[in-house]
Amino acid sequence: MRLTEEKYSEAHELYSGLIRLHILRHASQEGVFGLGIIEELARHGYKLSAGTLYPLLHNMEKKGLLRSHEFLEAGKIRRIYKSTPAGRKALSMAREKVRQLFGALFEDLPKRQARRKRT
């Protein structure tokens, strides 16, 4: 099934919240930088360009969820993002909501799978 541009946009909109949570999770554990988070997300099947990721990071910083600082590494300036206390609190609250939501999304899955096996 090929994704039309409209369907891709809808899927991207759904996934962007999950991507933000993933960024917050890593930024809460350690500092993250753009290329590193692009590679991490790619391991999970998300293909993000720098043009998509950096506006996300900047927006999260603007909202007070992340803070960044620059440092020099191997002759290159890197911007590292870490979660703020507000970001860690938002992540904690989101984890509970996601747990509830995914429980509801998958609670009847075993029943449906069993019905498919019988037919």
PDB file of N, CA and C in Angstrom:
ATOM      1  N   MET A   1       0.844  -1.175   0.000  1.00  0.00           N
ATOM      2  CA  MET A   1       0.000   0.000   0.000  1.00  0.00           C
ATOM      3  C   MET A   1       0.891   1.241   0.000  1.00  0.00           C
ATOM      4  N   ARG A   2       0.714   2.059  -0.995  1.00  0.00           N
ATOM      5  CA  ARG A   2       1.483   3.294  -1.089  1.00  0.00           C
ATOM      6  C   ARG A   2       0.799   4.388  -0.303  1.00  0.00           C
ATOM      7  N   LEU A   3       1.598   5.161   0.396  1.00  0.00           N
ATOM      8  CA  LEU A   3       1.052   6.290   1.141  1.00  0.00           C
ATOM      9  C   LEU A   3       0.938   7.487   0.228  1.00  0.00           C
ATOM     10  N   THR A   4      -0.245   8.052   0.174  1.00  0.00           N
ATOM     11  CA  THR A   4      -0.392   9.306  -0.556  1.00  0.00           C
ATOM     12  C   THR A   4       0.197  10.403   0.305  1.00  0.00           C
ATOM     13  N   GLU A   5       0.406  11.557  -0.285  1.00  0.00           N
ATOM     14  CA  GLU A   5       0.972  12.678   0.474  1.00  0.00           C
ATOM     15  C   GLU A   5       0.077  13.015   1.660  1.00  0.00           C
ATOM     16  N   GLU A   6      -1.231  12.965   1.460  1.00  0.00           N
ATOM     17  CA  GLU A   6      -2.188  13.277   2.535  1.00  0.00           C
ATOM     18  C   GLU A   6      -2.097  12.248   3.654  1.00  0.00           C
ATOM     19  N   LYS A   7      -2.056  10.970   3.297  1.00  0.00           N
ATOM     20  CA  LYS A   7      -1.969   9.914   4.304  1.00  0.00           C
ATOM     21  C   LYS A   7      -0.639   9.973   5.035  1.00  0.00           C
ATOM     22  N   TYR A   8       0.450  10.296   4.320  1.00  0.00           N
ATOM     23  CA  TYR A   8       1.748  10.444   4.962  1.00  0.00           C
ATOM     24  C   TYR A   8       1.700  11.567   5.984  1.00  0.00           C
ATOM     25  N   SER A   9       1.071  12.656   5.626  1.00  0.00           N
ATOM     26  CA  SER A   9       0.959  13.796   6.532  1.00  0.00           C
ATOM     27  C   SER A   9       0.178  13.411   7.785  1.00  0.00           C
ATOM     28  N   GLU A  10      -0.901  12.647   7.620  1.00  0.00           N
ATOM     29  CA  GLU A  10      -1.686  12.195   8.771  1.00  0.00           C
ATOM     30  C   GLU A  10      -0.857  11.275   9.657  1.00  0.00           C
ATOM     31  N   ALA A  11      -0.130  10.342   9.063  1.00  0.00           N
ATOM     32  CA  ALA A  11       0.703   9.414   9.835  1.00  0.00           C
ATOM     33  C   ALA A  11       1.801  10.187  10.551  1.00  0.00           C
ATOM     34  N   HIS A  12       2.423  11.140   9.862  1.00  0.00           N
ATOM     35  CA  HIS A  12       3.483  11.946  10.463  1.00  0.00           C
ATOM     36  C   HIS A  12       2.948  12.703  11.670  1.00  0.00           C
ATOM     37  N   GLU A  13       1.761  13.228  11.551  1.00  0.00           N
ATOM     38  CA  GLU A  13       1.152  13.963  12.669  1.00  0.00           C
ATOM     39  C   GLU A  13       0.957  13.046  13.872  1.00  0.00           C
ATOM     40  N   LEU A  14       0.512  11.819  13.637  1.00  0.00           N
ATOM     41  CA  LEU A  14       0.339  10.864  14.733  1.00  0.00           C
ATOM     42  C   LEU A  14       1.671  10.506  15.377  1.00  0.00           C
ATOM     43  N   TYR A  15       2.692  10.280  14.568  1.00  0.00           N
ATOM     44  CA  TYR A  15       3.986   9.854  15.080  1.00  0.00           C
ATOM     45  C   TYR A  15       4.761  10.969  15.751  1.00  0.00           C
ATOM     46  N   SER A  16       4.485  12.226  15.422  1.00  0.00           N
ATOM     47  CA  SER A  16       5.303  13.312  15.955  1.00  0.00           C
ATOM     48  C   SER A  16       5.219  13.382  17.477  1.00  0.00           C
ATOM     49  N   GLY A  17       4.090  13.060  18.058  1.00  0.00           N
ATOM     50  CA  GLY A  17       3.985  13.025  19.511  1.00  0.00           C
ATOM     51  C   GLY A  17       4.845  11.926  20.112  1.00  0.00           C
ATOM     52  N   LEU A  18       4.860  10.772  19.450  1.00  0.00           N
ATOM     53  CA  LEU A  18       5.696   9.670  19.926  1.00  0.00           C
ATOM     54  C   LEU A  18       7.179  10.030  19.814  1.00  0.00           C
ATOM     55  N   ILE A  19       7.532  10.720  18.748  1.00  0.00           N
ATOM     56  CA  ILE A  19       8.913  11.141  18.560  1.00  0.00           C
ATOM     57  C   ILE A  19       9.310  12.118  19.658  1.00  0.00           C
ATOM     58  N   ARG A  20       8.437  13.055  19.989  1.00  0.00           N
ATOM     59  CA  ARG A  20       8.727  14.013  21.061  1.00  0.00           C
ATOM     60  C   ARG A  20       8.959  13.280  22.386  1.00  0.00           C
ATOM     61  N   LEU A  21       8.126  12.295  22.671  1.00  0.00           N
ATOM     62  CA  LEU A  21       8.288  11.525  23.907  1.00  0.00           C
ATOM     63  C   LEU A  21       9.617  10.770  23.902  1.00  0.00           C
ATOM     64  N   HIS A  22       9.968  10.229  22.755  1.00  0.00           N
ATOM     65  CA  HIS A  22      11.235   9.499  22.650  1.00  0.00           C
ATOM     66  C   HIS A  22      12.407  10.449  22.884  1.00  0.00           C
ATOM     67  N   ILE A  23      12.333  11.635  22.323  1.00  0.00           N
ATOM     68  CA  ILE A  23      13.382  12.637  22.536  1.00  0.00           C
ATOM     69  C   ILE A  23      13.465  12.993  24.018  1.00  0.00           C
ATOM     70  N   LEU A  24      12.309  13.235  24.642  1.00  0.00           N
ATOM     71  CA  LEU A  24      12.296  13.581  26.068  1.00  0.00           C
ATOM     72  C   LEU A  24      12.898  12.471  26.914  1.00  0.00           C
ATOM     73  N   ARG A  25      12.575  11.239  26.579  1.00  0.00           N
ATOM     74  CA  ARG A  25      13.111  10.101  27.332  1.00  0.00           C
ATOM     75  C   ARG A  25      14.638  10.099  27.296  1.00  0.00           C
ATOM     76  N   HIS A  26      15.198  10.240  26.092  1.00  0.00           N
ATOM     77  CA  HIS A  26      16.659  10.231  25.972  1.00  0.00           C
ATOM     78  C   HIS A  26      17.282  11.474  26.593  1.00  0.00           C
ATOM     79  N   ALA A  27      16.636  12.616  26.415  1.00  0.00           N
ATOM     80  CA  ALA A  27      17.168  13.862  26.967  1.00  0.00           C
ATOM     81  C   ALA A  27      17.084  13.872  28.490  1.00  0.00           C
ATOM     82  N   SER A  28      16.229  13.051  29.061  1.00  0.00           N
ATOM     83  CA  SER A  28      16.136  12.927  30.515  1.00  0.00           C
ATOM     84  C   SER A  28      17.243  12.042  31.064  1.00  0.00           C
ATOM     85  N   GLN A  29      17.695  11.112  30.254  1.00  0.00           N
ATOM     86  CA  GLN A  29      18.742  10.184  30.681  1.00  0.00           C
ATOM     87  C   GLN A  29      20.143  10.754  30.477  1.00  0.00           C
ATOM     88  N   GLU A  30      20.307  11.466  29.367  1.00  0.00           N
ATOM     89  CA  GLU A  30      21.601  12.035  29.017  1.00  0.00           C
ATOM     90  C   GLU A  30      21.361  13.129  27.986  1.00  0.00           C
ATOM     91  N   GLY A  31      22.360  13.900  27.719  1.00  0.00           N
ATOM     92  CA  GLY A  31      22.222  14.909  26.687  1.00  0.00           C
ATOM     93  C   GLY A  31      22.125  14.268  25.315  1.00  0.00           C
ATOM     94  N   VAL A  32      21.337  14.865  24.430  1.00  0.00           N
ATOM     95  CA  VAL A  32      21.203  14.361  23.062  1.00  0.00           C
ATOM     96  C   VAL A  32      21.589  15.473  22.091  1.00  0.00           C
ATOM     97  N   PHE A  33      22.040  15.071  20.924  1.00  0.00           N
ATOM     98  CA  PHE A  33      22.337  16.035  19.869  1.00  0.00           C
ATOM     99  C   PHE A  33      21.621  15.571  18.607  1.00  0.00           C
ATOM    100  N   GLY A  34      21.468  16.472  17.670  1.00  0.00           N
ATOM    101  CA  GLY A  34      20.641  16.223  16.488  1.00  0.00           C
ATOM    102  C   GLY A  34      20.925  14.931  15.762  1.00  0.00           C
ATOM    103  N   LEU A  35      22.158  14.768  15.268  1.00  0.00           N
ATOM    104  CA  LEU A  35      22.482  13.573  14.495  1.00  0.00           C
ATOM    105  C   LEU A  35      22.313  12.305  15.333  1.00  0.00           C
ATOM    106  N   GLY A  36      22.686  12.380  16.591  1.00  0.00           N
ATOM    107  CA  GLY A  36      22.538  11.215  17.464  1.00  0.00           C
ATOM    108  C   GLY A  36      21.093  10.789  17.614  1.00  0.00           C
ATOM    109  N   ILE A  37      20.196  11.754  17.763  1.00  0.00           N
ATOM    110  CA  ILE A  37      18.778  11.403  17.933  1.00  0.00           C
ATOM    111  C   ILE A  37      18.177  10.950  16.604  1.00  0.00           C
ATOM    112  N   ILE A  38      18.660  11.504  15.484  1.00  0.00           N
ATOM    113  CA  ILE A  38      18.202  11.032  14.166  1.00  0.00           C
ATOM    114  C   ILE A  38      18.569   9.562  14.001  1.00  0.00           C
ATOM    115  N   GLU A  39      19.801   9.201  14.384  1.00  0.00           N
ATOM    116  CA  GLU A  39      20.240   7.810  14.282  1.00  0.00           C
ATOM    117  C   GLU A  39      19.461   6.906  15.235  1.00  0.00           C
ATOM    118  N   GLU A  40      19.217   7.382  16.447  1.00  0.00           N
ATOM    119  CA  GLU A  40      18.448   6.599  17.427  1.00  0.00           C
ATOM    120  C   GLU A  40      17.031   6.344  16.916  1.00  0.00           C
ATOM    121  N   LEU A  41      16.390   7.361  16.409  1.00  0.00           N
ATOM    122  CA  LEU A  41      15.034   7.210  15.893  1.00  0.00           C
ATOM    123  C   LEU A  41      15.005   6.297  14.669  1.00  0.00           C
ATOM    124  N   ALA A  42      16.049   6.341  13.855  1.00  0.00           N
ATOM    125  CA  ALA A  42      16.124   5.465  12.676  1.00  0.00           C
ATOM    126  C   ALA A  42      16.161   3.997  13.098  1.00  0.00           C
ATOM    127  N   ARG A  43      16.805   3.718  14.231  1.00  0.00           N
ATOM    128  CA  ARG A  43      16.827   2.328  14.737  1.00  0.00           C
ATOM    129  C   ARG A  43      15.430   1.833  15.080  1.00  0.00           C
ATOM    130  N   HIS A  44      14.524   2.765  15.305  1.00  0.00           N
ATOM    131  CA  HIS A  44      13.142   2.407  15.626  1.00  0.00           C
ATOM    132  C   HIS A  44      12.211   2.566  14.417  1.00  0.00           C
ATOM    133  N   GLY A  45      12.797   2.808  13.262  1.00  0.00           N
ATOM    134  CA  GLY A  45      12.007   2.892  12.037  1.00  0.00           C
ATOM    135  C   GLY A  45      11.521   4.278  11.655  1.00  0.00           C
ATOM    136  N   TYR A  46      11.936   5.294  12.377  1.00  0.00           N
ATOM    137  CA  TYR A  46      11.542   6.663  12.047  1.00  0.00           C
ATOM    138  C   TYR A  46      12.648   7.307  11.224  1.00  0.00           C
ATOM    139  N   LYS A  47      12.309   7.790  10.050  1.00  0.00           N
ATOM    140  CA  LYS A  47      13.291   8.461   9.202  1.00  0.00           C
ATOM    141  C   LYS A  47      13.014   9.958   9.256  1.00  0.00           C
ATOM    142  N   LEU A  48      13.837  10.653   9.991  1.00  0.00           N
ATOM    143  CA  LEU A  48      13.693  12.099  10.123  1.00  0.00           C
ATOM    144  C   LEU A  48      14.881  12.793   9.507  1.00  0.00           C
ATOM    145  N   SER A  49      14.605  13.876   8.839  1.00  0.00           N
ATOM    146  CA  SER A  49      15.690  14.705   8.319  1.00  0.00           C
ATOM    147  C   SER A  49      16.015  15.760   9.368  1.00  0.00           C
ATOM    148  N   ALA A  50      17.159  16.386   9.211  1.00  0.00           N
ATOM    149  CA  ALA A  50      17.540  17.476  10.114  1.00  0.00           C
ATOM    150  C   ALA A  50      16.501  18.598  10.018  1.00  0.00           C
ATOM    151  N   GLY A  51      15.959  18.810   8.821  1.00  0.00           N
ATOM    152  CA  GLY A  51      14.953  19.849   8.619  1.00  0.00           C
ATOM    153  C   GLY A  51      13.652  19.583   9.346  1.00  0.00           C
ATOM    154  N   THR A  52      13.417  18.342   9.723  1.00  0.00           N
ATOM    155  CA  THR A  52      12.239  17.986  10.522  1.00  0.00           C
ATOM    156  C   THR A  52      12.579  17.995  12.004  1.00  0.00           C
ATOM    157  N   LEU A  53      13.749  17.444  12.346  1.00  0.00           N
ATOM    158  CA  LEU A  53      14.112  17.300  13.748  1.00  0.00           C
ATOM    159  C   LEU A  53      14.408  18.623  14.440  1.00  0.00           C
ATOM    160  N   TYR A  54      15.221  19.455  13.815  1.00  0.00           N
ATOM    161  CA  TYR A  54      15.645  20.671  14.515  1.00  0.00           C
ATOM    162  C   TYR A  54      14.496  21.604  14.870  1.00  0.00           C
ATOM    163  N   PRO A  55      13.509  21.793  14.008  1.00  0.00           N
ATOM    164  CA  PRO A  55      12.357  22.598  14.452  1.00  0.00           C
ATOM    165  C   PRO A  55      11.635  21.970  15.651  1.00  0.00           C
ATOM    166  N   LEU A  56      11.573  20.626  15.691  1.00  0.00           N
ATOM    167  CA  LEU A  56      10.986  19.938  16.848  1.00  0.00           C
ATOM    168  C   LEU A  56      11.770  20.255  18.118  1.00  0.00           C
ATOM    169  N   LEU A  57      13.086  20.112  18.043  1.00  0.00           N
ATOM    170  CA  LEU A  57      13.937  20.388  19.201  1.00  0.00           C
ATOM    171  C   LEU A  57      13.806  21.843  19.644  1.00  0.00           C
ATOM    172  N   HIS A  58      13.834  22.758  18.687  1.00  0.00           N
ATOM    173  CA  HIS A  58      13.725  24.181  19.021  1.00  0.00           C
ATOM    174  C   HIS A  58      12.380  24.497  19.653  1.00  0.00           C
ATOM    175  N   ASN A  59      11.327  23.878  19.133  1.00  0.00           N
ATOM    176  CA  ASN A  59       9.989  24.093  19.693  1.00  0.00           C
ATOM    177  C   ASN A  59       9.897  23.538  21.108  1.00  0.00           C
ATOM    178  N   MET A  60      10.484  22.377  21.337  1.00  0.00           N
ATOM    179  CA  MET A  60      10.474  21.791  22.680  1.00  0.00           C
ATOM    180  C   MET A  60      11.273  22.659  23.647  1.00  0.00           C
ATOM    181  N   GLU A  61      12.349  23.261  23.145  1.00  0.00           N
ATOM    182  CA  GLU A  61      13.144  24.155  23.982  1.00  0.00           C
ATOM    183  C   GLU A  61      12.344  25.433  24.277  1.00  0.00           C
ATOM    184  N   LYS A  62      11.690  25.954  23.284  1.00  0.00           N
ATOM    185  CA  LYS A  62      10.876  27.167  23.448  1.00  0.00           C
ATOM    186  C   LYS A  62       9.763  26.950  24.479  1.00  0.00           C
ATOM    187  N   LYS A  63       9.220  25.726  24.510  1.00  0.00           N
ATOM    188  CA  LYS A  63       8.149  25.397  25.454  1.00  0.00           C
ATOM    189  C   LYS A  63       8.678  25.068  26.846  1.00  0.00           C
ATOM    190  N   GLY A  64       9.998  25.057  27.005  1.00  0.00           N
ATOM    191  CA  GLY A  64      10.586  24.809  28.316  1.00  0.00           C
ATOM    192  C   GLY A  64      10.773  23.346  28.664  1.00  0.00           C
ATOM    193  N   LEU A  65      10.630  22.441  27.684  1.00  0.00           N
ATOM    194  CA  LEU A  65      10.807  21.015  27.937  1.00  0.00           C
ATOM    195  C   LEU A  65      12.272  20.595  27.842  1.00  0.00           C
ATOM    196  N   LEU A  66      13.030  21.315  27.030  1.00  0.00           N
ATOM    197  CA  LEU A  66      14.454  21.052  26.842  1.00  0.00           C
ATOM    198  C   LEU A  66      15.226  22.344  27.044  1.00  0.00           C
ATOM    199  N   ARG A  67      16.496  22.195  27.351  1.00  0.00           N
ATOM    200  CA  ARG A  67      17.411  23.341  27.311  1.00  0.00           C
ATOM    201  C   ARG A  67      18.668  22.836  26.596  1.00  0.00           C
ATOM    202  N   SER A  68      19.356  23.753  25.972  1.00  0.00           N
ATOM    203  CA  SER A  68      20.526  23.332  25.206  1.00  0.00           C
ATOM    204  C   SER A  68      21.736  24.179  25.560  1.00  0.00           C
ATOM    205  N   HIS A  69      22.880  23.612  25.247  1.00  0.00           N
ATOM    206  CA  HIS A  69      24.121  24.363  25.343  1.00  0.00           C
ATOM    207  C   HIS A  69      25.058  23.846  24.254  1.00  0.00           C
ATOM    208  N   GLU A  70      25.981  24.694  23.872  1.00  0.00           N
ATOM    209  CA  GLU A  70      26.940  24.327  22.836  1.00  0.00           C
ATOM    210  C   GLU A  70      28.278  23.974  23.471  1.00  0.00           C
ATOM    211  N   PHE A  71      28.970  23.058  22.834  1.00  0.00           N
ATOM    212  CA  PHE A  71      30.346  22.779  23.251  1.00  0.00           C
ATOM    213  C   PHE A  71      31.135  22.330  22.027  1.00  0.00           C
ATOM    214  N   LEU A  72      32.417  22.414  22.127  1.00  0.00           N
ATOM    215  CA  LEU A  72      33.319  22.076  21.036  1.00  0.00           C
ATOM    216  C   LEU A  72      33.751  20.624  21.178  1.00  0.00           C
ATOM    217  N   GLU A  73      33.598  19.855  20.100  1.00  0.00           N
ATOM    218  CA  GLU A  73      34.025  18.447  20.092  1.00  0.00           C
ATOM    219  C   GLU A  73      34.693  18.163  18.759  1.00  0.00           C
ATOM    220  N   ALA A  74      35.932  17.763  18.809  1.00  0.00           N
ATOM    221  CA  ALA A  74      36.706  17.427  17.606  1.00  0.00           C
ATOM    222  C   ALA A  74      36.648  18.551  16.572  1.00  0.00           C
ATOM    223  N   GLY A  75      36.746  19.777  17.046  1.00  0.00           N
ATOM    224  CA  GLY A  75      36.755  20.923  16.148  1.00  0.00           C
ATOM    225  C   GLY A  75      35.388  21.358  15.643  1.00  0.00           C
ATOM    226  N   LYS A  76      34.331  20.690  16.108  1.00  0.00           N
ATOM    227  CA  LYS A  76      32.968  21.034  15.683  1.00  0.00           C
ATOM    228  C   LYS A  76      32.169  21.499  16.884  1.00  0.00           C
ATOM    229  N   ILE A  77      31.305  22.458  16.644  1.00  0.00           N
ATOM    230  CA  ILE A  77      30.416  22.914  17.710  1.00  0.00           C
ATOM    231  C   ILE A  77      29.179  22.032  17.697  1.00  0.00           C
ATOM    232  N   ARG A  78      28.867  21.455  18.845  1.00  0.00           N
ATOM    233  CA  ARG A  78      27.671  20.614  19.017  1.00  0.00           C
ATOM    234  C   ARG A  78      26.719  21.307  19.961  1.00  0.00           C
ATOM    235  N   ARG A  79      25.449  21.167  19.667  1.00  0.00           N
ATOM    236  CA  ARG A  79      24.418  21.651  20.578  1.00  0.00           C
ATOM    237  C   ARG A  79      23.813  20.414  21.237  1.00  0.00           C
ATOM    238  N   ILE A  80      23.907  20.370  22.556  1.00  0.00           N
ATOM    239  CA  ILE A  80      23.384  19.253  23.332  1.00  0.00           C
ATOM    240  C   ILE A  80      22.097  19.705  24.014  1.00  0.00           C
ATOM    241  N   TYR A  81      21.088  18.842  23.945  1.00  0.00           N
ATOM    242  CA  TYR A  81      19.795  19.119  24.556  1.00  0.00           C
ATOM    243  C   TYR A  81      19.595  18.193  25.750  1.00  0.00           C
ATOM    244  N   LYS A  82      19.150  18.759  26.847  1.00  0.00           N
ATOM    245  CA  LYS A  82      18.796  17.992  28.042  1.00  0.00           C
ATOM    246  C   LYS A  82      17.398  18.410  28.474  1.00  0.00           C
ATOM    247  N   SER A  83      16.712  17.490  29.115  1.00  0.00           N
ATOM    248  CA  SER A  83      15.374  17.843  29.575  1.00  0.00           C
ATOM    249  C   SER A  83      15.455  18.753  30.794  1.00  0.00           C
ATOM    250  N   THR A  84      14.472  19.578  30.915  1.00  0.00           N
ATOM    251  CA  THR A  84      14.344  20.463  32.072  1.00  0.00           C
ATOM    252  C   THR A  84      13.481  19.749  33.111  1.00  0.00           C
ATOM    253  N   PRO A  85      13.375  20.288  34.305  1.00  0.00           N
ATOM    254  CA  PRO A  85      12.430  19.699  35.266  1.00  0.00           C
ATOM    255  C   PRO A  85      11.012  19.620  34.689  1.00  0.00           C
ATOM    256  N   ALA A  86      10.612  20.646  33.954  1.00  0.00           N
ATOM    257  CA  ALA A  86       9.272  20.619  33.322  1.00  0.00           C
ATOM    258  C   ALA A  86       9.195  19.511  32.277  1.00  0.00           C
ATOM    259  N   GLY A  87      10.286  19.283  31.559  1.00  0.00           N
ATOM    260  CA  GLY A  87      10.313  18.212  30.565  1.00  0.00           C
ATOM    261  C   GLY A  87      10.223  16.842  31.207  1.00  0.00           C
ATOM    262  N   ARG A  88      10.926  16.670  32.333  1.00  0.00           N
ATOM    263  CA  ARG A  88      10.872  15.381  33.032  1.00  0.00           C
ATOM    264  C   ARG A  88       9.478  15.140  33.619  1.00  0.00           C
ATOM    265  N   LYS A  89       8.863  16.194  34.125  1.00  0.00           N
ATOM    266  CA  LYS A  89       7.502  16.052  34.658  1.00  0.00           C
ATOM    267  C   LYS A  89       6.524  15.722  33.532  1.00  0.00           C
ATOM    268  N   ALA A  90       6.669  16.403  32.393  1.00  0.00           N
ATOM    269  CA  ALA A  90       5.799  16.126  31.241  1.00  0.00           C
ATOM    270  C   ALA A  90       5.971  14.683  30.777  1.00  0.00           C
ATOM    271  N   LEU A  91       7.211  14.192  30.764  1.00  0.00           N
ATOM    272  CA  LEU A  91       7.476  12.809  30.368  1.00  0.00           C
ATOM    273  C   LEU A  91       6.824  11.841  31.341  1.00  0.00           C
ATOM    274  N   SER A  92       6.950  12.102  32.612  1.00  0.00           N
ATOM    275  CA  SER A  92       6.353  11.239  33.624  1.00  0.00           C
ATOM    276  C   SER A  92       4.827  11.176  33.465  1.00  0.00           C
ATOM    277  N   MET A  93       4.222  12.325  33.264  1.00  0.00           N
ATOM    278  CA  MET A  93       2.769  12.364  33.076  1.00  0.00           C
ATOM    279  C   MET A  93       2.365  11.659  31.779  1.00  0.00           C
ATOM    280  N   ALA A  94       3.145  11.866  30.730  1.00  0.00           N
ATOM    281  CA  ALA A  94       2.839  11.248  29.439  1.00  0.00           C
ATOM    282  C   ALA A  94       2.973   9.733  29.506  1.00  0.00           C
ATOM    283  N   ARG A  95       3.945   9.251  30.257  1.00  0.00           N
ATOM    284  CA  ARG A  95       4.123   7.793  30.385  1.00  0.00           C
ATOM    285  C   ARG A  95       2.854   7.138  30.926  1.00  0.00           C
ATOM    286  N   GLU A  96       2.273   7.747  31.932  1.00  0.00           N
ATOM    287  CA  GLU A  96       1.054   7.182  32.506  1.00  0.00           C
ATOM    288  C   GLU A  96      -0.097   7.228  31.504  1.00  0.00           C
ATOM    289  N   LYS A  97      -0.224   8.340  30.809  1.00  0.00           N
ATOM    290  CA  LYS A  97      -1.288   8.455  29.801  1.00  0.00           C
ATOM    291  C   LYS A  97      -1.088   7.453  28.671  1.00  0.00           C
ATOM    292  N   VAL A  98       0.145   7.286  28.237  1.00  0.00           N
ATOM    293  CA  VAL A  98       0.437   6.331  27.161  1.00  0.00           C
ATOM    294  C   VAL A  98       0.142   4.913  27.632  1.00  0.00           C
ATOM    295  N   ARG A  99       0.511   4.605  28.864  1.00  0.00           N
ATOM    296  CA  ARG A  99       0.228   3.284  29.428  1.00  0.00           C
ATOM    297  C   ARG A  99      -1.270   2.997  29.399  1.00  0.00           C
ATOM    298  N   GLN A 100      -2.068   3.972  29.817  1.00  0.00           N
ATOM    299  CA  GLN A 100      -3.526   3.824  29.805  1.00  0.00           C
ATOM    300  C   GLN A 100      -4.052   3.680  28.379  1.00  0.00           C
ATOM    301  N   LEU A 101      -3.580   4.535  27.494  1.00  0.00           N
ATOM    302  CA  LEU A 101      -4.051   4.525  26.111  1.00  0.00           C
ATOM    303  C   LEU A 101      -3.719   3.217  25.413  1.00  0.00           C
ATOM    304  N   PHE A 102      -2.473   2.778  25.543  1.00  0.00           N
ATOM    305  CA  PHE A 102      -2.091   1.543  24.876  1.00  0.00           C
ATOM    306  C   PHE A 102      -2.779   0.331  25.493  1.00  0.00           C
ATOM    307  N   GLY A 103      -3.052   0.397  26.771  1.00  0.00           N
ATOM    308  CA  GLY A 103      -3.842  -0.669  27.388  1.00  0.00           C
ATOM    309  C   GLY A 103      -5.214  -0.756  26.744  1.00  0.00           C
ATOM    310  N   ALA A 104      -5.841   0.383  26.531  1.00  0.00           N
ATOM    311  CA  ALA A 104      -7.164   0.412  25.897  1.00  0.00           C
ATOM    312  C   ALA A 104      -7.087   0.001  24.432  1.00  0.00           C
ATOM    313  N   LEU A 105      -6.036   0.408  23.739  1.00  0.00           N
ATOM    314  CA  LEU A 105      -5.899   0.073  22.322  1.00  0.00           C
ATOM    315  C   LEU A 105      -5.722  -1.424  22.097  1.00  0.00           C
ATOM    316  N   PHE A 106      -5.044  -2.088  23.026  1.00  0.00           N
ATOM    317  CA  PHE A 106      -4.712  -3.487  22.816  1.00  0.00           C
ATOM    318  C   PHE A 106      -5.449  -4.458  23.738  1.00  0.00           C
ATOM    319  N   GLU A 107      -6.374  -3.975  24.550  1.00  0.00           N
ATOM    320  CA  GLU A 107      -7.023  -4.873  25.511  1.00  0.00           C
ATOM    321  C   GLU A 107      -7.851  -5.955  24.852  1.00  0.00           C
ATOM    322  N   ASP A 108      -8.470  -5.687  23.707  1.00  0.00           N
ATOM    323  CA  ASP A 108      -9.275  -6.724  23.062  1.00  0.00           C
ATOM    324  C   ASP A 108      -8.514  -7.440  21.954  1.00  0.00           C
ATOM    325  N   LEU A 109      -7.233  -7.165  21.793  1.00  0.00           N
ATOM    326  CA  LEU A 109      -6.430  -7.788  20.745  1.00  0.00           C
ATOM    327  C   LEU A 109      -6.395  -9.310  20.860  1.00  0.00           C
ATOM    328  N   PRO A 110      -6.154  -9.906  22.028  1.00  0.00           N
ATOM    329  CA  PRO A 110      -6.146 -11.382  22.101  1.00  0.00           C
ATOM    330  C   PRO A 110      -7.480 -11.991  21.666  1.00  0.00           C
ATOM    331  N   LYS A 111      -8.599 -11.338  21.982  1.00  0.00           N
ATOM    332  CA  LYS A 111      -9.910 -11.862  21.576  1.00  0.00           C
ATOM    333  C   LYS A 111     -10.039 -11.862  20.058  1.00  0.00           C
ATOM    334  N   ARG A 112      -9.638 -10.773  19.414  1.00  0.00           N
ATOM    335  CA  ARG A 112      -9.738 -10.684  17.959  1.00  0.00           C
ATOM    336  C   ARG A 112      -8.807 -11.698  17.293  1.00  0.00           C
ATOM    337  N   GLN A 113      -7.616 -11.870  17.840  1.00  0.00           N
ATOM    338  CA  GLN A 113      -6.674 -12.825  17.267  1.00  0.00           C
ATOM    339  C   GLN A 113      -7.220 -14.251  17.391  1.00  0.00           C
ATOM    340  N   ALA A 114      -7.852 -14.547  18.506  1.00  0.00           N
ATOM    341  CA  ALA A 114      -8.430 -15.881  18.698  1.00  0.00           C
ATOM    342  C   ALA A 114      -9.560 -16.121  17.708  1.00  0.00           C
ATOM    343  N   ARG A 115     -10.388 -15.110  17.458  1.00  0.00           N
ATOM    344  CA  ARG A 115     -11.483 -15.258  16.485  1.00  0.00           C
ATOM    345  C   ARG A 115     -10.935 -15.503  15.092  1.00  0.00           C
ATOM    346  N   ARG A 116      -9.851 -14.833  14.712  1.00  0.00           N
ATOM    347  CA  ARG A 116      -9.248 -15.017  13.393  1.00  0.00           C
ATOM    348  C   ARG A 116      -8.702 -16.436  13.236  1.00  0.00           C
ATOM    349  N   LYS A 117      -8.134 -16.977  14.296  1.00  0.00           N
ATOM    350  CA  LYS A 117      -7.571 -18.325  14.226  1.00  0.00           C
ATOM    351  C   LYS A 117      -8.663 -19.370  14.019  1.00  0.00           C
ATOM    352  N   ARG A 118      -9.844 -19.124  14.574  1.00  0.00           N
ATOM    353  CA  ARG A 118     -10.948 -20.083  14.446  1.00  0.00           C
ATOM    354  C   ARG A 118     -11.536 -20.084  13.051  1.00  0.00           C
ATOM    355  N   THR A 119     -11.439 -18.970  12.345  1.00  0.00           N
ATOM    356  CA  THR A 119     -12.069 -18.897  11.014  1.00  0.00           C
ATOM    357  C   THR A 119     -11.155 -19.365   9.934  1.00  0.00           C
TER     358      THR A 119
END
